[in-house]
Amino acid sequence: MDSKFNKPLIRIIDDDSAVRSSWSFLLSGENYECAEYSDAGTFLASADFRRPGCILLDVRMPSMSGLELQNKLKDIGCDLPIVFVSGHGDIDMAVNAVKNGAFDFIEKPPKESRLIDTIEAAVARNKAMRRDQAEVADFKSRLEQLTQREREVIRMVAQGYSNKEVAAEFGISEKTVQVHRGSAYRKLDLHNAAEIARLLLLSGDPL
């Protein structure tokens, strides 16, 4: 069962209370928990970004527009996908919002099925991204346990080199390579070169 901080939360930001209530009602029927905000400032002051989910965001709002909020969230490193829903958008605005990182841009009033499908996809992406981030963080922590030689061996193994080729590169025996390779696998809690190569790619190759 999901803990409180792992259960998805849909943040609805719109200055129209009727719109907020309507979307909350619709999404709660799909077993989503929602939080409503009347403007960007209220959201920034009280929102908790730790929980996965997404942001359902209007474009035109007082004080700070949805597009301005998008830039603000980008600046502070918020990873929540943004789904814009606006009755005042145009093609250029939608294209620019998506180019700037928005997950989608939907015209108001949205079809219920389109809105639900988009929210589901945005939440799934956010949860997957956070799983990858947690996996990479654990991988990097385990890398700290490797000796320098184990790091060197694992780097070459992940690139597809055989034990014989690794041995020739470092002037050591194949048996010694096998020992270093086995020790590295145990410390990393991984079982093959493909897993290591994938995590190296995700983590930006920290070796």
N, C-alpha and C. Protein backbone atom coordinates (compact mmCIF):
# COMPACT_ATOMS: atom_id res chain seq x y z
N MET A 1 0.84 -1.20 0.00
CA MET A 1 0.00 0.00 0.00
C MET A 1 0.87 1.25 0.00
N ASP A 2 0.45 2.27 -0.77
CA ASP A 2 1.22 3.51 -0.85
C ASP A 2 1.22 4.22 0.49
N SER A 3 2.38 4.76 0.86
CA SER A 3 2.42 5.63 2.03
C SER A 3 1.83 6.97 1.64
N LYS A 4 1.64 7.82 2.63
CA LYS A 4 1.06 9.14 2.38
C LYS A 4 1.85 9.89 1.32
N PHE A 5 3.18 9.82 1.40
CA PHE A 5 4.00 10.61 0.49
C PHE A 5 4.17 9.96 -0.88
N ASN A 6 3.68 8.72 -1.06
CA ASN A 6 3.77 8.06 -2.35
C ASN A 6 2.45 8.07 -3.10
N LYS A 7 1.36 8.40 -2.40
CA LYS A 7 0.05 8.42 -3.04
C LYS A 7 -0.07 9.66 -3.91
N PRO A 8 -0.44 9.51 -5.19
CA PRO A 8 -0.51 10.67 -6.08
C PRO A 8 -1.51 11.73 -5.62
N LEU A 9 -1.15 12.98 -5.88
CA LEU A 9 -2.01 14.12 -5.56
C LEU A 9 -2.11 15.00 -6.80
N ILE A 10 -3.33 15.35 -7.17
CA ILE A 10 -3.56 16.25 -8.31
C ILE A 10 -3.76 17.66 -7.78
N ARG A 11 -2.87 18.58 -8.15
CA ARG A 11 -2.98 19.97 -7.71
C ARG A 11 -3.75 20.75 -8.77
N ILE A 12 -4.91 21.26 -8.41
CA ILE A 12 -5.77 22.00 -9.34
C ILE A 12 -5.65 23.49 -9.04
N ILE A 13 -5.15 24.25 -10.02
CA ILE A 13 -4.94 25.69 -9.83
C ILE A 13 -5.77 26.44 -10.86
N ASP A 14 -6.83 27.10 -10.39
CA ASP A 14 -7.73 27.84 -11.27
C ASP A 14 -8.48 28.86 -10.42
N ASP A 15 -8.68 30.07 -10.94
CA ASP A 15 -9.34 31.10 -10.14
C ASP A 15 -10.87 30.95 -10.15
N ASP A 16 -11.39 30.00 -10.88
CA ASP A 16 -12.83 29.75 -10.92
C ASP A 16 -13.15 28.58 -9.99
N SER A 17 -13.83 28.87 -8.89
CA SER A 17 -14.11 27.83 -7.89
C SER A 17 -15.00 26.73 -8.45
N ALA A 18 -15.91 27.09 -9.36
CA ALA A 18 -16.79 26.08 -9.95
C ALA A 18 -15.99 25.09 -10.79
N VAL A 19 -15.00 25.60 -11.51
CA VAL A 19 -14.14 24.73 -12.32
C VAL A 19 -13.33 23.80 -11.41
N ARG A 20 -12.76 24.36 -10.36
CA ARG A 20 -11.98 23.54 -9.43
C ARG A 20 -12.83 22.43 -8.83
N SER A 21 -14.02 22.77 -8.39
CA SER A 21 -14.91 21.78 -7.77
C SER A 21 -15.31 20.70 -8.77
N SER A 22 -15.56 21.11 -10.01
CA SER A 22 -15.97 20.16 -11.04
C SER A 22 -14.86 19.16 -11.33
N TRP A 23 -13.64 19.66 -11.47
CA TRP A 23 -12.52 18.77 -11.76
C TRP A 23 -12.21 17.87 -10.56
N SER A 24 -12.29 18.41 -9.36
CA SER A 24 -12.06 17.60 -8.16
C SER A 24 -13.07 16.47 -8.07
N PHE A 25 -14.33 16.79 -8.35
CA PHE A 25 -15.38 15.77 -8.31
C PHE A 25 -15.12 14.69 -9.34
N LEU A 26 -14.77 15.10 -10.55
CA LEU A 26 -14.50 14.14 -11.62
C LEU A 26 -13.33 13.23 -11.26
N LEU A 27 -12.24 13.83 -10.81
CA LEU A 27 -11.03 13.05 -10.54
C LEU A 27 -11.14 12.20 -9.28
N SER A 28 -11.91 12.69 -8.29
CA SER A 28 -12.11 11.88 -7.08
C SER A 28 -12.89 10.61 -7.43
N GLY A 29 -13.74 10.70 -8.47
CA GLY A 29 -14.45 9.51 -8.94
C GLY A 29 -13.53 8.49 -9.57
N GLU A 30 -12.32 8.94 -9.95
CA GLU A 30 -11.29 8.05 -10.49
C GLU A 30 -10.26 7.67 -9.41
N ASN A 31 -10.63 7.91 -8.15
CA ASN A 31 -9.79 7.58 -6.98
C ASN A 31 -8.53 8.42 -6.86
N TYR A 32 -8.57 9.64 -7.40
CA TYR A 32 -7.46 10.57 -7.21
C TYR A 32 -7.77 11.51 -6.05
N GLU A 33 -6.76 11.81 -5.27
CA GLU A 33 -6.89 12.84 -4.25
C GLU A 33 -6.50 14.18 -4.87
N CYS A 34 -7.28 15.21 -4.60
CA CYS A 34 -7.05 16.52 -5.21
C CYS A 34 -6.85 17.60 -4.16
N ALA A 35 -6.07 18.61 -4.52
CA ALA A 35 -5.91 19.81 -3.69
C ALA A 35 -6.21 21.00 -4.59
N GLU A 36 -7.05 21.93 -4.11
CA GLU A 36 -7.48 23.07 -4.92
C GLU A 36 -6.80 24.36 -4.48
N TYR A 37 -6.41 25.17 -5.48
CA TYR A 37 -5.77 26.46 -5.21
C TYR A 37 -6.39 27.50 -6.15
N SER A 38 -6.70 28.67 -5.59
CA SER A 38 -7.36 29.72 -6.37
C SER A 38 -6.40 30.57 -7.17
N ASP A 39 -5.11 30.52 -6.82
CA ASP A 39 -4.11 31.30 -7.56
C ASP A 39 -2.73 30.71 -7.35
N ALA A 40 -1.80 31.17 -8.17
CA ALA A 40 -0.44 30.62 -8.14
C ALA A 40 0.27 30.90 -6.82
N GLY A 41 0.05 32.10 -6.27
CA GLY A 41 0.70 32.45 -5.01
C GLY A 41 0.31 31.54 -3.87
N THR A 42 -0.99 31.23 -3.78
CA THR A 42 -1.47 30.32 -2.73
C THR A 42 -0.86 28.94 -2.90
N PHE A 43 -0.77 28.50 -4.13
CA PHE A 43 -0.17 27.19 -4.41
C PHE A 43 1.29 27.16 -3.97
N LEU A 44 2.05 28.16 -4.36
CA LEU A 44 3.48 28.19 -4.02
C LEU A 44 3.70 28.26 -2.52
N ALA A 45 2.80 28.94 -1.82
CA ALA A 45 2.96 29.13 -0.38
C ALA A 45 2.62 27.88 0.43
N SER A 46 1.75 27.05 -0.12
CA SER A 46 1.25 25.94 0.70
C SER A 46 1.44 24.55 0.10
N ALA A 47 1.89 24.47 -1.12
CA ALA A 47 1.98 23.17 -1.78
C ALA A 47 3.15 22.34 -1.26
N ASP A 48 2.94 21.04 -1.22
CA ASP A 48 3.97 20.08 -0.85
C ASP A 48 4.34 19.31 -2.13
N PHE A 49 5.57 19.48 -2.57
CA PHE A 49 6.00 18.86 -3.83
C PHE A 49 6.49 17.43 -3.64
N ARG A 50 6.53 16.94 -2.39
CA ARG A 50 7.09 15.62 -2.16
C ARG A 50 6.23 14.52 -2.75
N ARG A 51 4.93 14.70 -2.75
CA ARG A 51 4.05 13.66 -3.27
C ARG A 51 4.03 13.67 -4.79
N PRO A 52 4.03 12.49 -5.42
CA PRO A 52 3.95 12.43 -6.87
C PRO A 52 2.57 12.88 -7.34
N GLY A 53 2.41 13.01 -8.63
CA GLY A 53 1.13 13.43 -9.19
C GLY A 53 1.35 14.37 -10.35
N CYS A 54 0.52 15.42 -10.42
CA CYS A 54 0.68 16.40 -11.48
C CYS A 54 -0.05 17.69 -11.10
N ILE A 55 0.06 18.69 -11.96
CA ILE A 55 -0.58 19.98 -11.75
C ILE A 55 -1.54 20.24 -12.89
N LEU A 56 -2.79 20.52 -12.56
CA LEU A 56 -3.80 20.90 -13.54
C LEU A 56 -3.93 22.41 -13.45
N LEU A 57 -3.53 23.11 -14.50
CA LEU A 57 -3.27 24.55 -14.39
C LEU A 57 -3.98 25.39 -15.44
N ASP A 58 -4.67 26.43 -14.97
CA ASP A 58 -5.29 27.41 -15.87
C ASP A 58 -4.20 28.38 -16.35
N VAL A 59 -4.43 29.01 -17.49
CA VAL A 59 -3.45 29.96 -18.03
C VAL A 59 -3.67 31.35 -17.47
N ARG A 60 -4.89 31.85 -17.59
CA ARG A 60 -5.18 33.22 -17.16
C ARG A 60 -5.67 33.24 -15.72
N MET A 61 -4.85 33.82 -14.86
CA MET A 61 -5.20 33.97 -13.44
C MET A 61 -4.66 35.31 -12.96
N PRO A 62 -5.24 35.85 -11.88
CA PRO A 62 -4.75 37.12 -11.36
C PRO A 62 -3.35 36.99 -10.76
N SER A 63 -2.63 38.09 -10.76
CA SER A 63 -1.28 38.20 -10.15
C SER A 63 -0.21 37.45 -10.94
N MET A 64 -0.36 36.14 -11.05
CA MET A 64 0.62 35.34 -11.77
C MET A 64 -0.10 34.38 -12.71
N SER A 65 0.22 34.45 -13.99
CA SER A 65 -0.44 33.57 -14.95
C SER A 65 0.09 32.14 -14.83
N GLY A 66 -0.63 31.22 -15.46
CA GLY A 66 -0.18 29.84 -15.45
C GLY A 66 1.17 29.66 -16.11
N LEU A 67 1.41 30.43 -17.18
CA LEU A 67 2.69 30.33 -17.89
C LEU A 67 3.83 30.87 -17.03
N GLU A 68 3.55 31.93 -16.26
CA GLU A 68 4.56 32.47 -15.35
C GLU A 68 4.85 31.48 -14.23
N LEU A 69 3.80 30.81 -13.75
CA LEU A 69 3.99 29.80 -12.71
C LEU A 69 4.82 28.64 -13.25
N GLN A 70 4.57 28.26 -14.49
CA GLN A 70 5.36 27.20 -15.10
C GLN A 70 6.85 27.54 -15.07
N ASN A 71 7.19 28.77 -15.42
CA ASN A 71 8.60 29.19 -15.39
C ASN A 71 9.15 29.18 -13.97
N LYS A 72 8.33 29.62 -13.02
CA LYS A 72 8.76 29.64 -11.62
C LYS A 72 9.05 28.23 -11.12
N LEU A 73 8.17 27.30 -11.42
CA LEU A 73 8.34 25.91 -10.99
C LEU A 73 9.57 25.29 -11.65
N LYS A 74 9.81 25.66 -12.89
CA LYS A 74 11.00 25.17 -13.59
C LYS A 74 12.26 25.69 -12.91
N ASP A 75 12.23 26.95 -12.50
CA ASP A 75 13.39 27.56 -11.84
C ASP A 75 13.73 26.88 -10.52
N ILE A 76 12.70 26.46 -9.78
CA ILE A 76 12.94 25.86 -8.46
C ILE A 76 13.11 24.34 -8.53
N GLY A 77 13.04 23.80 -9.75
CA GLY A 77 13.30 22.38 -9.92
C GLY A 77 12.15 21.45 -9.59
N CYS A 78 10.94 21.96 -9.66
CA CYS A 78 9.76 21.12 -9.41
C CYS A 78 9.59 20.13 -10.56
N ASP A 79 9.44 18.85 -10.24
CA ASP A 79 9.36 17.82 -11.28
C ASP A 79 7.94 17.39 -11.61
N LEU A 80 6.93 18.06 -11.06
CA LEU A 80 5.54 17.66 -11.29
C LEU A 80 5.11 18.04 -12.71
N PRO A 81 4.58 17.09 -13.48
CA PRO A 81 4.11 17.41 -14.83
C PRO A 81 2.96 18.43 -14.78
N ILE A 82 2.95 19.35 -15.73
CA ILE A 82 1.91 20.37 -15.79
C ILE A 82 0.99 20.09 -16.98
N VAL A 83 -0.31 20.03 -16.68
CA VAL A 83 -1.32 19.91 -17.72
C VAL A 83 -2.09 21.24 -17.75
N PHE A 84 -1.89 22.01 -18.80
CA PHE A 84 -2.62 23.27 -18.95
C PHE A 84 -4.03 23.00 -19.47
N VAL A 85 -5.01 23.68 -18.88
CA VAL A 85 -6.38 23.63 -19.38
C VAL A 85 -6.86 25.07 -19.47
N SER A 86 -7.11 25.55 -20.69
CA SER A 86 -7.43 26.97 -20.85
C SER A 86 -8.46 27.21 -21.94
N GLY A 87 -9.35 28.18 -21.68
CA GLY A 87 -10.32 28.57 -22.68
C GLY A 87 -9.82 29.73 -23.51
N HIS A 88 -8.61 30.21 -23.20
CA HIS A 88 -8.07 31.39 -23.87
C HIS A 88 -6.79 31.10 -24.64
N GLY A 89 -6.46 29.83 -24.78
CA GLY A 89 -5.20 29.49 -25.42
C GLY A 89 -5.30 29.54 -26.94
N ASP A 90 -4.15 29.60 -27.57
CA ASP A 90 -4.08 29.48 -29.02
C ASP A 90 -2.98 28.48 -29.35
N ILE A 91 -2.81 28.19 -30.62
CA ILE A 91 -1.83 27.17 -31.01
C ILE A 91 -0.42 27.55 -30.60
N ASP A 92 -0.04 28.80 -30.82
CA ASP A 92 1.31 29.24 -30.46
C ASP A 92 1.55 29.10 -28.96
N MET A 93 0.55 29.49 -28.16
CA MET A 93 0.68 29.38 -26.71
C MET A 93 0.83 27.93 -26.29
N ALA A 94 0.04 27.06 -26.87
CA ALA A 94 0.10 25.64 -26.52
C ALA A 94 1.46 25.05 -26.89
N VAL A 95 1.92 25.36 -28.10
CA VAL A 95 3.21 24.83 -28.56
C VAL A 95 4.34 25.31 -27.65
N ASN A 96 4.33 26.60 -27.31
CA ASN A 96 5.38 27.15 -26.46
C ASN A 96 5.34 26.55 -25.06
N ALA A 97 4.15 26.33 -24.54
CA ALA A 97 4.03 25.74 -23.20
C ALA A 97 4.60 24.33 -23.18
N VAL A 98 4.29 23.54 -24.22
CA VAL A 98 4.80 22.17 -24.29
C VAL A 98 6.31 22.17 -24.52
N LYS A 99 6.80 23.08 -25.37
CA LYS A 99 8.25 23.19 -25.58
C LYS A 99 8.97 23.54 -24.29
N ASN A 100 8.27 24.29 -23.43
CA ASN A 100 8.86 24.70 -22.15
C ASN A 100 8.73 23.63 -21.08
N GLY A 101 8.18 22.48 -21.45
CA GLY A 101 8.14 21.36 -20.52
C GLY A 101 6.77 20.91 -20.06
N ALA A 102 5.70 21.59 -20.48
CA ALA A 102 4.36 21.16 -20.08
C ALA A 102 4.07 19.77 -20.62
N PHE A 103 3.31 19.00 -19.87
CA PHE A 103 2.96 17.64 -20.30
C PHE A 103 1.94 17.69 -21.42
N ASP A 104 0.96 18.60 -21.31
CA ASP A 104 -0.07 18.71 -22.34
C ASP A 104 -0.77 20.05 -22.19
N PHE A 105 -1.53 20.41 -23.21
CA PHE A 105 -2.28 21.67 -23.23
C PHE A 105 -3.66 21.33 -23.80
N ILE A 106 -4.70 21.45 -22.96
CA ILE A 106 -6.05 21.04 -23.34
C ILE A 106 -6.97 22.26 -23.34
N GLU A 107 -7.84 22.30 -24.33
CA GLU A 107 -8.78 23.43 -24.43
C GLU A 107 -9.95 23.24 -23.47
N LYS A 108 -10.38 24.34 -22.86
CA LYS A 108 -11.52 24.35 -21.96
C LYS A 108 -12.82 24.53 -22.75
N PRO A 109 -13.91 23.87 -22.36
CA PRO A 109 -13.97 22.82 -21.34
C PRO A 109 -13.47 21.50 -21.93
N PRO A 110 -12.68 20.76 -21.20
CA PRO A 110 -12.12 19.52 -21.75
C PRO A 110 -13.14 18.38 -21.73
N LYS A 111 -12.99 17.46 -22.66
CA LYS A 111 -13.77 16.23 -22.59
C LYS A 111 -13.30 15.45 -21.37
N GLU A 112 -14.26 14.91 -20.62
CA GLU A 112 -13.90 14.21 -19.39
C GLU A 112 -12.92 13.07 -19.65
N SER A 113 -13.17 12.30 -20.70
CA SER A 113 -12.30 11.16 -21.00
C SER A 113 -10.88 11.62 -21.34
N ARG A 114 -10.77 12.71 -22.08
CA ARG A 114 -9.45 13.25 -22.45
C ARG A 114 -8.72 13.73 -21.20
N LEU A 115 -9.43 14.42 -20.32
CA LEU A 115 -8.80 14.93 -19.11
C LEU A 115 -8.31 13.79 -18.22
N ILE A 116 -9.16 12.79 -18.04
CA ILE A 116 -8.78 11.65 -17.18
C ILE A 116 -7.59 10.89 -17.76
N ASP A 117 -7.62 10.64 -19.07
CA ASP A 117 -6.51 9.92 -19.71
C ASP A 117 -5.21 10.70 -19.60
N THR A 118 -5.29 12.03 -19.75
CA THR A 118 -4.09 12.86 -19.68
C THR A 118 -3.53 12.87 -18.27
N ILE A 119 -4.40 13.00 -17.28
CA ILE A 119 -3.96 12.98 -15.88
C ILE A 119 -3.31 11.64 -15.55
N GLU A 120 -3.93 10.56 -16.00
CA GLU A 120 -3.38 9.23 -15.74
C GLU A 120 -1.97 9.09 -16.33
N ALA A 121 -1.79 9.57 -17.55
CA ALA A 121 -0.48 9.48 -18.21
C ALA A 121 0.55 10.37 -17.51
N ALA A 122 0.14 11.57 -17.09
CA ALA A 122 1.06 12.49 -16.41
C ALA A 122 1.51 11.93 -15.07
N VAL A 123 0.58 11.36 -14.33
CA VAL A 123 0.91 10.77 -13.03
C VAL A 123 1.84 9.58 -13.21
N ALA A 124 1.55 8.75 -14.21
CA ALA A 124 2.40 7.58 -14.47
C ALA A 124 3.82 8.01 -14.80
N ARG A 125 3.96 9.06 -15.60
CA ARG A 125 5.31 9.55 -15.94
C ARG A 125 6.03 10.05 -14.69
N ASN A 126 5.34 10.80 -13.85
CA ASN A 126 5.97 11.35 -12.66
C ASN A 126 6.41 10.24 -11.70
N LYS A 127 5.58 9.24 -11.53
CA LYS A 127 5.93 8.13 -10.64
C LYS A 127 7.12 7.35 -11.19
N ALA A 128 7.14 7.12 -12.50
CA ALA A 128 8.26 6.40 -13.12
C ALA A 128 9.56 7.18 -12.99
N MET A 129 9.48 8.50 -13.20
CA MET A 129 10.66 9.33 -13.09
C MET A 129 11.21 9.31 -11.67
N ARG A 130 10.32 9.36 -10.70
CA ARG A 130 10.78 9.35 -9.31
C ARG A 130 11.34 7.99 -8.91
N ARG A 131 10.80 6.92 -9.47
CA ARG A 131 11.38 5.60 -9.22
C ARG A 131 12.79 5.53 -9.78
N ASP A 132 12.97 6.07 -10.99
CA ASP A 132 14.30 6.08 -11.59
C ASP A 132 15.28 6.90 -10.74
N GLN A 133 14.81 8.05 -10.24
CA GLN A 133 15.67 8.90 -9.42
C GLN A 133 16.09 8.19 -8.14
N ALA A 134 15.15 7.47 -7.52
CA ALA A 134 15.47 6.74 -6.29
C ALA A 134 16.45 5.61 -6.58
N GLU A 135 16.25 4.93 -7.71
CA GLU A 135 17.13 3.83 -8.09
C GLU A 135 18.54 4.35 -8.37
N VAL A 136 18.64 5.48 -9.04
CA VAL A 136 19.94 6.07 -9.35
C VAL A 136 20.64 6.52 -8.07
N ALA A 137 19.89 7.12 -7.15
CA ALA A 137 20.47 7.57 -5.88
C ALA A 137 21.05 6.38 -5.11
N ASP A 138 20.33 5.26 -5.10
CA ASP A 138 20.81 4.06 -4.42
C ASP A 138 22.04 3.51 -5.13
N PHE A 139 22.03 3.53 -6.45
CA PHE A 139 23.16 3.05 -7.24
C PHE A 139 24.41 3.87 -6.96
N LYS A 140 24.27 5.19 -6.93
CA LYS A 140 25.42 6.06 -6.68
C LYS A 140 25.98 5.82 -5.28
N SER A 141 25.07 5.58 -4.32
CA SER A 141 25.52 5.31 -2.96
C SER A 141 26.33 4.01 -2.91
N ARG A 142 25.87 3.00 -3.63
CA ARG A 142 26.58 1.73 -3.66
C ARG A 142 27.92 1.84 -4.39
N LEU A 143 28.00 2.72 -5.38
CA LEU A 143 29.25 2.92 -6.10
C LEU A 143 30.38 3.36 -5.17
N GLU A 144 30.01 4.08 -4.14
CA GLU A 144 31.01 4.58 -3.19
C GLU A 144 31.73 3.43 -2.48
N GLN A 145 31.12 2.25 -2.48
CA GLN A 145 31.71 1.09 -1.80
C GLN A 145 32.76 0.38 -2.68
N LEU A 146 32.80 0.71 -3.97
CA LEU A 146 33.72 0.03 -4.88
C LEU A 146 35.13 0.59 -4.77
N THR A 147 36.11 -0.31 -4.93
CA THR A 147 37.49 0.15 -5.03
C THR A 147 37.71 0.78 -6.40
N GLN A 148 38.83 1.48 -6.56
CA GLN A 148 39.13 2.10 -7.85
C GLN A 148 39.24 1.05 -8.95
N ARG A 149 39.88 -0.07 -8.68
CA ARG A 149 40.02 -1.12 -9.69
C ARG A 149 38.67 -1.72 -10.04
N GLU A 150 37.80 -1.92 -9.05
CA GLU A 150 36.47 -2.44 -9.33
C GLU A 150 35.68 -1.48 -10.23
N ARG A 151 35.84 -0.18 -9.99
CA ARG A 151 35.18 0.81 -10.84
C ARG A 151 35.69 0.70 -12.29
N GLU A 152 37.00 0.58 -12.42
CA GLU A 152 37.59 0.50 -13.76
C GLU A 152 37.12 -0.74 -14.49
N VAL A 153 37.08 -1.86 -13.78
CA VAL A 153 36.63 -3.11 -14.39
C VAL A 153 35.17 -3.03 -14.79
N ILE A 154 34.34 -2.53 -13.88
CA ILE A 154 32.90 -2.44 -14.15
C ILE A 154 32.59 -1.49 -15.31
N ARG A 155 33.35 -0.41 -15.41
CA ARG A 155 33.13 0.52 -16.53
C ARG A 155 33.32 -0.21 -17.86
N MET A 156 34.40 -0.98 -17.97
CA MET A 156 34.67 -1.68 -19.22
C MET A 156 33.66 -2.80 -19.46
N VAL A 157 33.28 -3.50 -18.39
CA VAL A 157 32.29 -4.57 -18.52
C VAL A 157 30.96 -4.00 -19.02
N ALA A 158 30.58 -2.85 -18.47
CA ALA A 158 29.31 -2.21 -18.87
C ALA A 158 29.35 -1.77 -20.33
N GLN A 159 30.55 -1.52 -20.84
CA GLN A 159 30.70 -1.11 -22.24
C GLN A 159 30.79 -2.31 -23.19
N GLY A 160 30.72 -3.52 -22.62
CA GLY A 160 30.68 -4.72 -23.45
C GLY A 160 31.99 -5.45 -23.63
N TYR A 161 33.04 -5.03 -22.92
CA TYR A 161 34.33 -5.70 -23.05
C TYR A 161 34.31 -7.03 -22.30
N SER A 162 35.02 -8.02 -22.83
CA SER A 162 35.11 -9.33 -22.20
C SER A 162 36.13 -9.29 -21.07
N ASN A 163 36.09 -10.34 -20.23
CA ASN A 163 37.08 -10.43 -19.14
C ASN A 163 38.50 -10.44 -19.70
N LYS A 164 38.68 -11.12 -20.84
CA LYS A 164 40.01 -11.20 -21.45
C LYS A 164 40.49 -9.82 -21.88
N GLU A 165 39.58 -9.03 -22.47
CA GLU A 165 39.94 -7.68 -22.93
C GLU A 165 40.22 -6.75 -21.75
N VAL A 166 39.44 -6.91 -20.68
CA VAL A 166 39.67 -6.09 -19.48
C VAL A 166 41.03 -6.45 -18.87
N ALA A 167 41.32 -7.73 -18.82
CA ALA A 167 42.60 -8.19 -18.27
C ALA A 167 43.77 -7.62 -19.06
N ALA A 168 43.66 -7.62 -20.38
CA ALA A 168 44.73 -7.09 -21.23
C ALA A 168 44.90 -5.59 -21.02
N GLU A 169 43.79 -4.88 -20.84
CA GLU A 169 43.83 -3.43 -20.65
C GLU A 169 44.61 -3.05 -19.39
N PHE A 170 44.41 -3.81 -18.32
CA PHE A 170 45.03 -3.44 -17.04
C PHE A 170 46.24 -4.31 -16.68
N GLY A 171 46.60 -5.24 -17.56
CA GLY A 171 47.77 -6.06 -17.29
C GLY A 171 47.59 -6.99 -16.10
N ILE A 172 46.37 -7.52 -15.97
CA ILE A 172 46.08 -8.45 -14.87
C ILE A 172 45.50 -9.73 -15.46
N SER A 173 45.35 -10.75 -14.63
CA SER A 173 44.84 -12.02 -15.13
C SER A 173 43.32 -11.98 -15.24
N GLU A 174 42.79 -12.88 -16.08
CA GLU A 174 41.33 -12.98 -16.21
C GLU A 174 40.70 -13.38 -14.88
N LYS A 175 41.41 -14.21 -14.12
CA LYS A 175 40.91 -14.63 -12.81
C LYS A 175 40.74 -13.42 -11.90
N THR A 176 41.71 -12.51 -11.94
CA THR A 176 41.63 -11.31 -11.11
C THR A 176 40.47 -10.42 -11.56
N VAL A 177 40.27 -10.34 -12.86
CA VAL A 177 39.12 -9.58 -13.39
C VAL A 177 37.83 -10.18 -12.87
N GLN A 178 37.70 -11.50 -12.89
CA GLN A 178 36.50 -12.17 -12.40
C GLN A 178 36.25 -11.86 -10.92
N VAL A 179 37.33 -11.80 -10.16
CA VAL A 179 37.20 -11.49 -8.72
C VAL A 179 36.68 -10.07 -8.54
N HIS A 180 37.28 -9.12 -9.26
CA HIS A 180 36.84 -7.72 -9.16
C HIS A 180 35.40 -7.55 -9.64
N ARG A 181 35.10 -8.24 -10.73
CA ARG A 181 33.75 -8.16 -11.30
C ARG A 181 32.70 -8.71 -10.33
N GLY A 182 33.00 -9.87 -9.76
CA GLY A 182 32.07 -10.49 -8.80
C GLY A 182 31.88 -9.64 -7.56
N SER A 183 32.96 -9.07 -7.07
CA SER A 183 32.88 -8.21 -5.88
C SER A 183 32.04 -6.97 -6.17
N ALA A 184 32.23 -6.38 -7.36
CA ALA A 184 31.46 -5.19 -7.73
C ALA A 184 29.98 -5.52 -7.85
N TYR A 185 29.66 -6.64 -8.46
CA TYR A 185 28.25 -7.04 -8.60
C TYR A 185 27.60 -7.17 -7.23
N ARG A 186 28.31 -7.79 -6.28
CA ARG A 186 27.73 -7.97 -4.94
C ARG A 186 27.51 -6.62 -4.26
N LYS A 187 28.48 -5.74 -4.36
CA LYS A 187 28.35 -4.43 -3.71
C LYS A 187 27.24 -3.59 -4.33
N LEU A 188 27.07 -3.73 -5.64
CA LEU A 188 26.04 -2.95 -6.34
C LEU A 188 24.68 -3.63 -6.28
N ASP A 189 24.64 -4.88 -5.82
CA ASP A 189 23.42 -5.68 -5.77
C ASP A 189 22.79 -5.79 -7.16
N LEU A 190 23.65 -5.99 -8.16
CA LEU A 190 23.22 -6.17 -9.54
C LEU A 190 23.79 -7.49 -10.05
N HIS A 191 23.26 -7.97 -11.18
CA HIS A 191 23.61 -9.31 -11.61
C HIS A 191 24.18 -9.43 -13.02
N ASN A 192 24.14 -8.33 -13.77
CA ASN A 192 24.71 -8.42 -15.12
C ASN A 192 25.12 -7.05 -15.61
N ALA A 193 25.87 -7.06 -16.71
CA ALA A 193 26.42 -5.81 -17.26
C ALA A 193 25.34 -4.90 -17.79
N ALA A 194 24.23 -5.49 -18.30
CA ALA A 194 23.16 -4.67 -18.86
C ALA A 194 22.52 -3.78 -17.80
N GLU A 195 22.32 -4.32 -16.59
CA GLU A 195 21.74 -3.53 -15.50
C GLU A 195 22.66 -2.37 -15.14
N ILE A 196 23.95 -2.65 -15.08
CA ILE A 196 24.91 -1.61 -14.74
C ILE A 196 24.96 -0.54 -15.82
N ALA A 197 24.96 -0.97 -17.08
CA ALA A 197 24.99 -0.01 -18.19
C ALA A 197 23.77 0.90 -18.16
N ARG A 198 22.59 0.33 -17.86
CA ARG A 198 21.36 1.12 -17.81
C ARG A 198 21.43 2.18 -16.71
N LEU A 199 21.92 1.78 -15.54
CA LEU A 199 22.00 2.73 -14.42
C LEU A 199 23.09 3.76 -14.64
N LEU A 200 24.17 3.37 -15.29
CA LEU A 200 25.20 4.35 -15.64
C LEU A 200 24.63 5.40 -16.58
N LEU A 201 23.81 4.96 -17.53
CA LEU A 201 23.19 5.88 -18.48
C LEU A 201 22.24 6.82 -17.75
N LEU A 202 21.40 6.30 -16.86
CA LEU A 202 20.46 7.11 -16.11
C LEU A 202 21.16 8.12 -15.20
N SER A 203 22.29 7.71 -14.65
CA SER A 203 22.97 8.55 -13.67
C SER A 203 24.03 9.46 -14.27
N GLY A 204 24.18 9.41 -15.58
CA GLY A 204 25.17 10.28 -16.22
C GLY A 204 26.58 9.73 -16.11
N ASP A 205 26.71 8.41 -15.95
CA ASP A 205 28.02 7.74 -15.90
C ASP A 205 28.96 8.38 -14.87
N PRO A 206 28.71 8.13 -13.57
CA PRO A 206 29.53 8.75 -12.53
C PRO A 206 30.86 8.05 -12.29
N LEU A 207 31.12 6.91 -12.95
CA LEU A 207 32.36 6.18 -12.71
C LEU A 207 33.58 6.95 -13.23
